[in-house]
Amino acid sequence: MCSVEHINCFPVLVNILSNTFLRLFNSTQRIRIWSQPFYGTHAPELKSDIFFVCLNYLLILAAGLPPHFAVSSMEDYKVKS
């Protein structure tokens, strides 16, 4: 009834249980549940834009780390620790 992935199993289980409860109460209505956790509507350009934004952020972060260590070492030298 469901695939190996847990994300697909839970909606199927909820659908089976809810429809079973509806049948117990003599209802003619049915509940339909679907799962589509990963939408494929994103354009490929969006992924490359996100990649370059993250890359730029990491480069700026990496450029700021060496001065931080240098200042820390100088403070340790001044305190003679």
Protein backbone atom coordinates (compact mmCIF):
# COMPACT_ATOMS: atom_id res chain seq x y z
CA MET A 1 0.00 0.00 0.00
CA CYS A 2 2.89 2.36 0.52
CA SER A 3 6.46 2.60 -0.57
CA VAL A 4 9.57 2.21 1.55
CA GLU A 5 9.78 5.93 2.28
CA HIS A 6 8.12 6.94 5.54
CA ILE A 7 7.03 10.29 4.18
CA ASN A 8 4.68 8.48 1.79
CA CYS A 9 3.49 5.86 4.27
CA PHE A 10 1.96 8.22 6.83
CA PRO A 11 -0.57 9.92 4.52
CA VAL A 12 -1.69 6.52 3.22
CA LEU A 13 -2.16 5.26 6.78
CA VAL A 14 -4.14 8.37 7.75
CA ASN A 15 -6.29 7.96 4.65
CA ILE A 16 -7.06 4.31 5.46
CA LEU A 17 -7.90 5.09 9.11
CA SER A 18 -10.05 8.12 8.34
CA ASN A 19 -12.04 6.31 5.68
CA THR A 20 -12.50 3.35 8.03
CA PHE A 21 -13.92 5.65 10.72
CA LEU A 22 -16.22 7.24 8.17
CA ARG A 23 -17.54 3.83 7.13
CA LEU A 24 -18.14 2.95 10.80
CA PHE A 25 -20.38 6.01 11.12
CA ASN A 26 -22.31 5.11 7.92
CA SER A 27 -21.07 8.08 5.97
CA THR A 28 -21.05 8.16 2.19
CA GLN A 29 -18.25 10.71 2.03
CA ARG A 30 -14.62 9.77 1.62
CA ILE A 31 -11.42 11.61 2.54
CA ARG A 32 -8.62 11.79 0.02
CA ILE A 33 -5.10 12.50 1.19
CA TRP A 34 -2.07 13.09 -0.98
CA SER A 35 1.50 13.89 -0.25
CA GLN A 36 3.74 15.99 -2.42
CA PRO A 37 6.54 17.15 -0.13
CA PHE A 38 9.00 18.20 -2.82
CA TYR A 39 7.50 20.41 -5.46
CA GLY A 40 9.16 20.28 -8.84
CA THR A 41 7.93 23.68 -10.00
CA HIS A 42 11.14 25.54 -9.17
CA ALA A 43 13.14 26.77 -12.09
CA PRO A 44 16.71 25.48 -12.43
CA GLU A 45 17.93 29.10 -12.35
CA LEU A 46 16.64 29.39 -8.79
CA LYS A 47 18.89 26.58 -7.61
CA SER A 48 21.94 28.17 -9.21
CA ASP A 49 21.02 31.56 -7.70
CA ILE A 50 20.73 30.03 -4.24
CA PHE A 51 24.05 28.26 -4.76
CA PHE A 52 25.83 31.49 -5.69
CA VAL A 53 24.29 33.41 -2.79
CA CYS A 54 25.49 30.72 -0.36
CA LEU A 55 28.89 30.63 -2.03
CA ASN A 56 29.29 34.41 -1.70
CA TYR A 57 28.23 34.27 1.93
CA LEU A 58 30.79 31.56 2.68
CA LEU A 59 33.54 33.47 0.86
CA ILE A 60 32.82 36.61 2.87
CA LEU A 61 32.76 34.55 6.06
CA ALA A 62 36.05 32.85 5.14
CA ALA A 63 37.63 36.24 4.44
CA GLY A 64 36.72 37.42 7.94
CA LEU A 65 38.06 34.43 9.85
CA PRO A 66 41.86 34.92 9.47
CA PRO A 67 41.81 38.48 10.89
CA HIS A 68 39.77 37.19 13.82
CA PHE A 69 42.43 34.61 14.62
CA ALA A 70 45.21 37.17 14.17
CA VAL A 71 43.57 39.64 16.57
CA SER A 72 42.98 36.85 19.06
CA SER A 73 46.65 35.84 18.90
CA MET A 74 47.78 39.43 19.40
CA GLU A 75 45.54 39.81 22.44
CA ASP A 76 46.97 36.60 23.87
CA TYR A 77 50.49 37.93 23.22
CA LYS A 78 49.73 41.24 24.97
CA VAL A 79 48.28 39.48 28.03
CA LYS A 80 51.22 37.04 27.94
CA SER A 81 49.02 34.01 28.23
